[in-house]
């Protein structure tokens, strides 16, 4: 195993929670652009906007980074409840 892989594994074990250590994001050594794209997705920026900024396609973005998105589930679970609280559309038009 190359030295950087051993160093990366040790740093991951020391600094990450066990579930993050085992995740795709925790396993991969990222470059600056990879880190930025993952951060944007984890911040909830829509994939269509991320690909516009990054110059990728949505298919490539999601195939590469979808498994690295984490921490959004509580917000996603609240969205259907919030959508139910939207005012009715008026039929006058």
PDB file of N, CA and C in Angstrom:
ATOM      1  N   UNK A   1       0.859  -1.179   0.000  1.00  0.00           N
ATOM      2  CA  UNK A   1       0.000   0.000   0.000  1.00  0.00           C
ATOM      3  C   UNK A   1       0.900   1.236   0.000  1.00  0.00           C
ATOM      4  N   UNK A   2       0.683   2.155  -0.914  1.00  0.00           N
ATOM      5  CA  UNK A   2       1.501   3.372  -0.937  1.00  0.00           C
ATOM      6  C   UNK A   2       1.384   4.136   0.396  1.00  0.00           C
ATOM      7  N   UNK A   3       2.408   4.909   0.673  1.00  0.00           N
ATOM      8  CA  UNK A   3       2.470   5.644   1.937  1.00  0.00           C
ATOM      9  C   UNK A   3       1.292   6.591   2.120  1.00  0.00           C
ATOM     10  N   UNK A   4       0.872   7.270   1.041  1.00  0.00           N
ATOM     11  CA  UNK A   4      -0.215   8.225   1.211  1.00  0.00           C
ATOM     12  C   UNK A   4      -1.515   7.527   1.602  1.00  0.00           C
ATOM     13  N   UNK A   5      -1.714   6.299   1.137  1.00  0.00           N
ATOM     14  CA  UNK A   5      -2.934   5.577   1.523  1.00  0.00           C
ATOM     15  C   UNK A   5      -2.919   5.216   3.005  1.00  0.00           C
ATOM     16  N   UNK A   6      -1.764   4.800   3.501  1.00  0.00           N
ATOM     17  CA  UNK A   6      -1.663   4.506   4.939  1.00  0.00           C
ATOM     18  C   UNK A   6      -1.872   5.769   5.759  1.00  0.00           C
ATOM     19  N   UNK A   7      -1.268   6.867   5.311  1.00  0.00           N
ATOM     20  CA  UNK A   7      -1.433   8.137   6.032  1.00  0.00           C
ATOM     21  C   UNK A   7      -2.889   8.588   6.002  1.00  0.00           C
ATOM     22  N   UNK A   8      -3.531   8.467   4.847  1.00  0.00           N
ATOM     23  CA  UNK A   8      -4.938   8.868   4.714  1.00  0.00           C
ATOM     24  C   UNK A   8      -5.821   8.014   5.608  1.00  0.00           C
ATOM     25  N   UNK A   9      -5.584   6.699   5.651  1.00  0.00           N
ATOM     26  CA  UNK A   9      -6.379   5.815   6.507  1.00  0.00           C
ATOM     27  C   UNK A   9      -6.220   6.200   7.971  1.00  0.00           C
ATOM     28  N   UNK A  10      -4.992   6.450   8.401  1.00  0.00           N
ATOM     29  CA  UNK A  10      -4.769   6.851   9.796  1.00  0.00           C
ATOM     30  C   UNK A  10      -5.441   8.173  10.132  1.00  0.00           C
ATOM     31  N   UNK A  11      -5.360   9.128   9.210  1.00  0.00           N
ATOM     32  CA  UNK A  11      -6.003  10.429   9.444  1.00  0.00           C
ATOM     33  C   UNK A  11      -7.513  10.280   9.484  1.00  0.00           C
ATOM     34  N   UNK A  12      -8.066   9.452   8.600  1.00  0.00           N
ATOM     35  CA  UNK A  12      -9.516   9.222   8.595  1.00  0.00           C
ATOM     36  C   UNK A  12      -9.963   8.581   9.897  1.00  0.00           C
ATOM     37  N   UNK A  13      -9.219   7.573  10.356  1.00  0.00           N
ATOM     38  CA  UNK A  13      -9.590   6.880  11.599  1.00  0.00           C
ATOM     39  C   UNK A  13      -9.553   7.831  12.784  1.00  0.00           C
ATOM     40  N   UNK A  14      -8.581   8.736  12.784  1.00  0.00           N
ATOM     41  CA  UNK A  14      -8.437   9.666  13.906  1.00  0.00           C
ATOM     42  C   UNK A  14      -9.482  10.779  13.889  1.00  0.00           C
ATOM     43  N   UNK A  15      -9.898  11.206  12.706  1.00  0.00           N
ATOM     44  CA  UNK A  15     -10.724  12.398  12.634  1.00  0.00           C
ATOM     45  C   UNK A  15     -12.175  12.226  12.261  1.00  0.00           C
ATOM     46  N   UNK A  16     -12.565  11.035  11.815  1.00  0.00           N
ATOM     47  CA  UNK A  16     -13.930  10.851  11.339  1.00  0.00           C
ATOM     48  C   UNK A  16     -14.731   9.935  12.245  1.00  0.00           C
ATOM     49  N   UNK A  17     -16.025  10.194  12.304  1.00  0.00           N
ATOM     50  CA  UNK A  17     -16.929   9.272  12.997  1.00  0.00           C
ATOM     51  C   UNK A  17     -16.928   7.951  12.230  1.00  0.00           C
ATOM     52  N   UNK A  18     -17.182   6.833  12.905  1.00  0.00           N
ATOM     53  CA  UNK A  18     -17.123   5.531  12.230  1.00  0.00           C
ATOM     54  C   UNK A  18     -17.990   5.440  10.974  1.00  0.00           C
ATOM     55  N   UNK A  19     -19.204   5.985  10.998  1.00  0.00           N
ATOM     56  CA  UNK A  19     -20.073   5.885   9.816  1.00  0.00           C
ATOM     57  C   UNK A  19     -19.527   6.717   8.652  1.00  0.00           C
ATOM     58  N   UNK A  20     -18.844   7.819   8.949  1.00  0.00           N
ATOM     59  CA  UNK A  20     -18.245   8.631   7.890  1.00  0.00           C
ATOM     60  C   UNK A  20     -16.979   7.951   7.382  1.00  0.00           C
ATOM     61  N   UNK A  21     -16.214   7.362   8.287  1.00  0.00           N
ATOM     62  CA  UNK A  21     -14.992   6.634   7.913  1.00  0.00           C
ATOM     63  C   UNK A  21     -15.301   5.567   6.869  1.00  0.00           C
ATOM     64  N   UNK A  22     -16.415   4.870   7.019  1.00  0.00           N
ATOM     65  CA  UNK A  22     -16.783   3.789   6.105  1.00  0.00           C
ATOM     66  C   UNK A  22     -17.527   4.276   4.864  1.00  0.00           C
ATOM     67  N   UNK A  23     -17.907   5.535   4.827  1.00  0.00           N
ATOM     68  CA  UNK A  23     -18.675   6.050   3.696  1.00  0.00           C
ATOM     69  C   UNK A  23     -17.775   6.295   2.485  1.00  0.00           C
ATOM     70  N   UNK A  24     -18.378   6.431   1.293  1.00  0.00           N
ATOM     71  CA  UNK A  24     -17.573   6.745   0.105  1.00  0.00           C
ATOM     72  C   UNK A  24     -16.779   8.040   0.270  1.00  0.00           C
ATOM     73  N   UNK A  25     -17.389   9.036   0.906  1.00  0.00           N
ATOM     74  CA  UNK A  25     -16.681  10.303   1.100  1.00  0.00           C
ATOM     75  C   UNK A  25     -15.475  10.116   2.016  1.00  0.00           C
ATOM     76  N   UNK A  26     -15.592   9.245   2.995  1.00  0.00           N
ATOM     77  CA  UNK A  26     -14.500   9.005   3.919  1.00  0.00           C
ATOM     78  C   UNK A  26     -13.388   8.153   3.350  1.00  0.00           C
ATOM     79  N   UNK A  27     -13.681   7.383   2.323  1.00  0.00           N
ATOM     80  CA  UNK A  27     -12.679   6.497   1.730  1.00  0.00           C
ATOM     81  C   UNK A  27     -11.822   7.167   0.674  1.00  0.00           C
ATOM     82  N   UNK A  28     -12.352   8.163   0.036  1.00  0.00           N
ATOM     83  CA  UNK A  28     -11.688   8.709  -1.148  1.00  0.00           C
ATOM     84  C   UNK A  28     -10.843   9.939  -0.817  1.00  0.00           C
ATOM     85  N   UNK A  29      -9.670  10.014  -1.399  1.00  0.00           N
ATOM     86  CA  UNK A  29      -8.846  11.216  -1.282  1.00  0.00           C
ATOM     87  C   UNK A  29      -9.339  12.183  -2.358  1.00  0.00           C
ATOM     88  N   UNK A  30      -9.797  13.342  -1.937  1.00  0.00           N
ATOM     89  CA  UNK A  30     -10.374  14.308  -2.859  1.00  0.00           C
ATOM     90  C   UNK A  30      -9.372  15.363  -3.281  1.00  0.00           C
ATOM     91  N   UNK A  31      -9.526  15.840  -4.500  1.00  0.00           N
ATOM     92  CA  UNK A  31      -8.838  17.027  -4.948  1.00  0.00           C
ATOM     93  C   UNK A  31      -9.701  18.237  -4.613  1.00  0.00           C
ATOM     94  N   UNK A  32      -9.210  19.412  -4.885  1.00  0.00           N
ATOM     95  CA  UNK A  32      -9.968  20.622  -4.553  1.00  0.00           C
ATOM     96  C   UNK A  32     -11.322  20.685  -5.243  1.00  0.00           C
ATOM     97  N   UNK A  33     -11.374  20.335  -6.526  1.00  0.00           N
ATOM     98  CA  UNK A  33     -12.656  20.419  -7.224  1.00  0.00           C
ATOM     99  C   UNK A  33     -13.638  19.382  -6.702  1.00  0.00           C
ATOM    100  N   UNK A  34     -13.170  18.180  -6.401  1.00  0.00           N
ATOM    101  CA  UNK A  34     -14.051  17.158  -5.840  1.00  0.00           C
ATOM    102  C   UNK A  34     -14.612  17.601  -4.501  1.00  0.00           C
ATOM    103  N   UNK A  35     -13.754  18.178  -3.681  1.00  0.00           N
ATOM    104  CA  UNK A  35     -14.191  18.655  -2.373  1.00  0.00           C
ATOM    105  C   UNK A  35     -15.243  19.742  -2.521  1.00  0.00           C
ATOM    106  N   UNK A  36     -15.031  20.658  -3.426  1.00  0.00           N
ATOM    107  CA  UNK A  36     -15.974  21.758  -3.628  1.00  0.00           C
ATOM    108  C   UNK A  36     -17.324  21.232  -4.115  1.00  0.00           C
ATOM    109  N   UNK A  37     -17.317  20.318  -5.084  1.00  0.00           N
ATOM    110  CA  UNK A  37     -18.584  19.792  -5.603  1.00  0.00           C
ATOM    111  C   UNK A  37     -19.348  19.042  -4.516  1.00  0.00           C
ATOM    112  N   UNK A  38     -18.645  18.229  -3.734  1.00  0.00           N
ATOM    113  CA  UNK A  38     -19.303  17.516  -2.643  1.00  0.00           C
ATOM    114  C   UNK A  38     -19.857  18.498  -1.620  1.00  0.00           C
ATOM    115  N   UNK A  39     -19.110  19.532  -1.302  1.00  0.00           N
ATOM    116  CA  UNK A  39     -19.573  20.538  -0.335  1.00  0.00           C
ATOM    117  C   UNK A  39     -20.831  21.223  -0.845  1.00  0.00           C
ATOM    118  N   UNK A  40     -20.836  21.617  -2.113  1.00  0.00           N
ATOM    119  CA  UNK A  40     -22.033  22.262  -2.673  1.00  0.00           C
ATOM    120  C   UNK A  40     -23.244  21.339  -2.576  1.00  0.00           C
ATOM    121  N   UNK A  41     -23.062  20.070  -2.938  1.00  0.00           N
ATOM    122  CA  UNK A  41     -24.184  19.129  -2.857  1.00  0.00           C
ATOM    123  C   UNK A  41     -24.635  18.932  -1.416  1.00  0.00           C
ATOM    124  N   UNK A  42     -23.691  18.809  -0.484  1.00  0.00           N
ATOM    125  CA  UNK A  42     -24.044  18.645   0.923  1.00  0.00           C
ATOM    126  C   UNK A  42     -24.687  19.896   1.503  1.00  0.00           C
ATOM    127  N   UNK A  43     -24.413  21.041   0.918  1.00  0.00           N
ATOM    128  CA  UNK A  43     -25.051  22.283   1.364  1.00  0.00           C
ATOM    129  C   UNK A  43     -26.448  22.448   0.783  1.00  0.00           C
ATOM    130  N   UNK A  44     -26.875  21.486  -0.033  1.00  0.00           N
ATOM    131  CA  UNK A  44     -28.222  21.517  -0.577  1.00  0.00           C
ATOM    132  C   UNK A  44     -28.370  22.273  -1.881  1.00  0.00           C
ATOM    133  N   UNK A  45     -27.257  22.624  -2.514  1.00  0.00           N
ATOM    134  CA  UNK A  45     -27.344  23.304  -3.804  1.00  0.00           C
ATOM    135  C   UNK A  45     -27.805  22.276  -4.832  1.00  0.00           C
ATOM    136  N   UNK A  46     -28.766  22.655  -5.639  1.00  0.00           N
ATOM    137  CA  UNK A  46     -29.341  21.731  -6.607  1.00  0.00           C
ATOM    138  C   UNK A  46     -28.287  21.234  -7.597  1.00  0.00           C
ATOM    139  N   UNK A  47     -28.328  19.937  -7.939  1.00  0.00           N
ATOM    140  CA  UNK A  47     -27.352  19.394  -8.886  1.00  0.00           C
ATOM    141  C   UNK A  47     -27.285  20.166 -10.201  1.00  0.00           C
ATOM    142  N   UNK A  48     -28.421  20.650 -10.697  1.00  0.00           N
ATOM    143  CA  UNK A  48     -28.402  21.410 -11.954  1.00  0.00           C
ATOM    144  C   UNK A  48     -27.539  22.661 -11.821  1.00  0.00           C
ATOM    145  N   UNK A  49     -27.580  23.308 -10.666  1.00  0.00           N
ATOM    146  CA  UNK A  49     -26.747  24.495 -10.455  1.00  0.00           C
ATOM    147  C   UNK A  49     -25.282  24.108 -10.317  1.00  0.00           C
ATOM    148  N   UNK A  50     -25.007  23.031  -9.599  1.00  0.00           N
ATOM    149  CA  UNK A  50     -23.625  22.582  -9.412  1.00  0.00           C
ATOM    150  C   UNK A  50     -22.986  22.255 -10.760  1.00  0.00           C
ATOM    151  N   UNK A  51     -23.718  21.563 -11.640  1.00  0.00           N
ATOM    152  CA  UNK A  51     -23.120  21.223 -12.935  1.00  0.00           C
ATOM    153  C   UNK A  51     -22.922  22.461 -13.794  1.00  0.00           C
ATOM    154  N   UNK A  52     -23.779  23.452 -13.627  1.00  0.00           N
ATOM    155  CA  UNK A  52     -23.587  24.700 -14.358  1.00  0.00           C
ATOM    156  C   UNK A  52     -22.281  25.364 -13.927  1.00  0.00           C
ATOM    157  N   UNK A  53     -22.018  25.377 -12.643  1.00  0.00           N
ATOM    158  CA  UNK A  53     -20.782  25.973 -12.132  1.00  0.00           C
ATOM    159  C   UNK A  53     -19.561  25.121 -12.480  1.00  0.00           C
ATOM    160  N   UNK A  54     -19.725  23.787 -12.438  1.00  0.00           N
ATOM    161  CA  UNK A  54     -18.581  22.891 -12.585  1.00  0.00           C
ATOM    162  C   UNK A  54     -18.297  22.497 -14.035  1.00  0.00           C
ATOM    163  N   UNK A  55     -19.280  22.619 -14.891  1.00  0.00           N
ATOM    164  CA  UNK A  55     -19.083  22.229 -16.276  1.00  0.00           C
ATOM    165  C   UNK A  55     -19.210  20.734 -16.511  1.00  0.00           C
ATOM    166  N   UNK A  56     -19.908  20.047 -15.627  1.00  0.00           N
ATOM    167  CA  UNK A  56     -20.176  18.613 -15.783  1.00  0.00           C
ATOM    168  C   UNK A  56     -21.599  18.426 -16.280  1.00  0.00           C
ATOM    169  N   UNK A  57     -21.983  17.174 -16.455  1.00  0.00           N
ATOM    170  CA  UNK A  57     -23.389  16.857 -16.703  1.00  0.00           C
ATOM    171  C   UNK A  57     -23.991  16.356 -15.395  1.00  0.00           C
ATOM    172  N   UNK A  58     -25.308  16.434 -15.282  1.00  0.00           N
ATOM    173  CA  UNK A  58     -25.970  15.929 -14.076  1.00  0.00           C
ATOM    174  C   UNK A  58     -25.686  14.440 -13.915  1.00  0.00           C
ATOM    175  N   UNK A  59     -25.706  13.692 -15.023  1.00  0.00           N
ATOM    176  CA  UNK A  59     -25.456  12.245 -14.945  1.00  0.00           C
ATOM    177  C   UNK A  59     -24.071  11.947 -14.363  1.00  0.00           C
ATOM    178  N   UNK A  60     -23.057  12.660 -14.830  1.00  0.00           N
ATOM    179  CA  UNK A  60     -21.696  12.449 -14.319  1.00  0.00           C
ATOM    180  C   UNK A  60     -21.614  12.881 -12.858  1.00  0.00           C
ATOM    181  N   UNK A  61     -22.189  14.020 -12.537  1.00  0.00           N
ATOM    182  CA  UNK A  61     -22.162  14.526 -11.164  1.00  0.00           C
ATOM    183  C   UNK A  61     -22.778  13.518 -10.200  1.00  0.00           C
ATOM    184  N   UNK A  62     -23.983  13.046 -10.515  1.00  0.00           N
ATOM    185  CA  UNK A  62     -24.668  12.131  -9.608  1.00  0.00           C
ATOM    186  C   UNK A  62     -24.010  10.756  -9.572  1.00  0.00           C
ATOM    187  N   UNK A  63     -23.486  10.300 -10.696  1.00  0.00           N
ATOM    188  CA  UNK A  63     -22.791   9.013 -10.692  1.00  0.00           C
ATOM    189  C   UNK A  63     -21.539   9.068  -9.833  1.00  0.00           C
ATOM    190  N   UNK A  64     -20.906  10.213  -9.794  1.00  0.00           N
ATOM    191  CA  UNK A  64     -19.657  10.362  -9.055  1.00  0.00           C
ATOM    192  C   UNK A  64     -19.872  10.740  -7.600  1.00  0.00           C
ATOM    193  N   UNK A  65     -20.814  11.641  -7.329  1.00  0.00           N
ATOM    194  CA  UNK A  65     -20.903  12.255  -6.010  1.00  0.00           C
ATOM    195  C   UNK A  65     -22.159  11.938  -5.204  1.00  0.00           C
ATOM    196  N   UNK A  66     -23.162  11.306  -5.781  1.00  0.00           N
ATOM    197  CA  UNK A  66     -24.429  11.108  -5.070  1.00  0.00           C
ATOM    198  C   UNK A  66     -24.246  10.348  -3.763  1.00  0.00           C
ATOM    199  N   UNK A  67     -23.359   9.372  -3.734  1.00  0.00           N
ATOM    200  CA  UNK A  67     -23.164   8.592  -2.512  1.00  0.00           C
ATOM    201  C   UNK A  67     -22.358   9.350  -1.461  1.00  0.00           C
ATOM    202  N   UNK A  68     -21.843  10.503  -1.806  1.00  0.00           N
ATOM    203  CA  UNK A  68     -21.051  11.294  -0.867  1.00  0.00           C
ATOM    204  C   UNK A  68     -21.878  12.373  -0.180  1.00  0.00           C
ATOM    205  N   UNK A  69     -23.119  12.500  -0.570  1.00  0.00           N
ATOM    206  CA  UNK A  69     -23.993  13.511   0.033  1.00  0.00           C
ATOM    207  C   UNK A  69     -24.525  12.938   1.333  1.00  0.00           C
ATOM    208  N   UNK A  70     -24.414  13.706   2.385  1.00  0.00           N
ATOM    209  CA  UNK A  70     -24.928  13.253   3.673  1.00  0.00           C
ATOM    210  C   UNK A  70     -25.429  14.432   4.481  1.00  0.00           C
ATOM    211  N   UNK A  71     -26.228  14.138   5.486  1.00  0.00           N
ATOM    212  CA  UNK A  71     -26.704  15.168   6.402  1.00  0.00           C
ATOM    213  C   UNK A  71     -27.949  15.900   5.957  1.00  0.00           C
ATOM    214  N   UNK A  72     -28.566  15.508   4.851  1.00  0.00           N
ATOM    215  CA  UNK A  72     -29.739  16.213   4.355  1.00  0.00           C
ATOM    216  C   UNK A  72     -31.044  15.516   4.700  1.00  0.00           C
ATOM    217  N   UNK A  73     -30.996  14.308   5.214  1.00  0.00           N
ATOM    218  CA  UNK A  73     -32.208  13.535   5.450  1.00  0.00           C
ATOM    219  C   UNK A  73     -33.208  14.234   6.377  1.00  0.00           C
ATOM    220  N   UNK A  74     -32.786  14.824   7.503  1.00  0.00           N
ATOM    221  CA  UNK A  74     -33.781  15.507   8.345  1.00  0.00           C
ATOM    222  C   UNK A  74     -34.531  16.611   7.595  1.00  0.00           C
ATOM    223  N   UNK A  75     -33.812  17.386   6.786  1.00  0.00           N
ATOM    224  CA  UNK A  75     -34.474  18.446   6.022  1.00  0.00           C
ATOM    225  C   UNK A  75     -35.409  17.857   4.979  1.00  0.00           C
ATOM    226  N   UNK A  76     -34.965  16.813   4.301  1.00  0.00           N
ATOM    227  CA  UNK A  76     -35.804  16.189   3.283  1.00  0.00           C
ATOM    228  C   UNK A  76     -37.078  15.604   3.887  1.00  0.00           C
ATOM    229  N   UNK A  77     -36.996  15.074   5.101  1.00  0.00           N
ATOM    230  CA  UNK A  77     -38.187  14.535   5.772  1.00  0.00           C
ATOM    231  C   UNK A  77     -39.168  15.644   6.151  1.00  0.00           C
ATOM    232  N   UNK A  78     -38.670  16.846   6.425  1.00  0.00           N
ATOM    233  CA  UNK A  78     -39.546  17.964   6.802  1.00  0.00           C
ATOM    234  C   UNK A  78     -40.260  18.569   5.592  1.00  0.00           C
ATOM    235  N   UNK A  79     -39.700  18.442   4.411  1.00  0.00           N
ATOM    236  CA  UNK A  79     -40.273  19.092   3.228  1.00  0.00           C
ATOM    237  C   UNK A  79     -41.713  18.685   2.922  1.00  0.00           C
ATOM    238  N   UNK A  80     -42.055  17.391   2.954  1.00  0.00           N
ATOM    239  CA  UNK A  80     -43.460  17.056   2.675  1.00  0.00           C
ATOM    240  C   UNK A  80     -44.425  17.676   3.676  1.00  0.00           C
ATOM    241  N   UNK A  81     -44.019  17.747   4.944  1.00  0.00           N
ATOM    242  CA  UNK A  81     -44.868  18.375   5.955  1.00  0.00           C
ATOM    243  C   UNK A  81     -45.036  19.860   5.662  1.00  0.00           C
ATOM    244  N   UNK A  82     -43.952  20.524   5.295  1.00  0.00           N
ATOM    245  CA  UNK A  82     -44.021  21.946   4.986  1.00  0.00           C
ATOM    246  C   UNK A  82     -44.846  22.197   3.727  1.00  0.00           C
ATOM    247  N   UNK A  83     -44.763  21.305   2.764  1.00  0.00           N
ATOM    248  CA  UNK A  83     -45.536  21.473   1.532  1.00  0.00           C
ATOM    249  C   UNK A  83     -47.024  21.400   1.822  1.00  0.00           C
ATOM    250  N   UNK A  84     -47.396  20.606   2.809  1.00  0.00           N
ATOM    251  CA  UNK A  84     -48.807  20.514   3.185  1.00  0.00           C
ATOM    252  C   UNK A  84     -49.333  21.800   3.775  1.00  0.00           C
ATOM    253  N   UNK A  85     -48.442  22.658   4.257  1.00  0.00           N
ATOM    254  CA  UNK A  85     -48.854  23.905   4.886  1.00  0.00           C
ATOM    255  C   UNK A  85     -48.932  25.047   3.884  1.00  0.00           C
ATOM    256  N   UNK A  86     -48.706  24.786   2.588  1.00  0.00           N
ATOM    257  CA  UNK A  86     -48.770  25.842   1.594  1.00  0.00           C
ATOM    258  C   UNK A  86     -50.202  26.314   1.412  1.00  0.00           C
ATOM    259  N   UNK A  87     -50.391  27.609   1.156  1.00  0.00           N
ATOM    260  CA  UNK A  87     -51.761  28.102   0.936  1.00  0.00           C
ATOM    261  C   UNK A  87     -52.336  27.542  -0.366  1.00  0.00           C
ATOM    262  N   UNK A  88     -53.645  27.422  -0.386  1.00  0.00           N
ATOM    263  CA  UNK A  88     -54.326  26.931  -1.579  1.00  0.00           C
ATOM    264  C   UNK A  88     -54.200  27.966  -2.691  1.00  0.00           C
ATOM    265  N   UNK A  89     -54.099  27.485  -3.918  1.00  0.00           N
ATOM    266  CA  UNK A  89     -54.087  28.375  -5.094  1.00  0.00           C
ATOM    267  C   UNK A  89     -55.467  28.905  -5.324  1.00  0.00           C
ATOM    268  N   UNK A  90     -55.568  30.176  -5.606  1.00  0.00           N
ATOM    269  CA  UNK A  90     -56.889  30.727  -5.863  1.00  0.00           C
ATOM    270  C   UNK A  90     -57.331  30.316  -7.269  1.00  0.00           C
ATOM    271  N   UNK A  91     -58.623  30.072  -7.422  1.00  0.00           N
ATOM    272  CA  UNK A  91     -59.132  29.646  -8.724  1.00  0.00           C
ATOM    273  C   UNK A  91     -59.438  30.845  -9.616  1.00  0.00           C
ATOM    274  N   UNK A  92     -59.385  32.050  -9.039  1.00  0.00           N
ATOM    275  CA  UNK A  92     -59.608  33.251  -9.844  1.00  0.00           C
ATOM    276  C   UNK A  92     -58.373  33.504 -10.680  1.00  0.00           C
ATOM    277  N   UNK A  93     -58.568  33.844 -11.908  1.00  0.00           N
ATOM    278  CA  UNK A  93     -57.371  33.948 -12.605  1.00  0.00           C
ATOM    279  C   UNK A  93     -57.084  34.777 -13.676  1.00  0.00           C
TER     280      UNK A  93
END
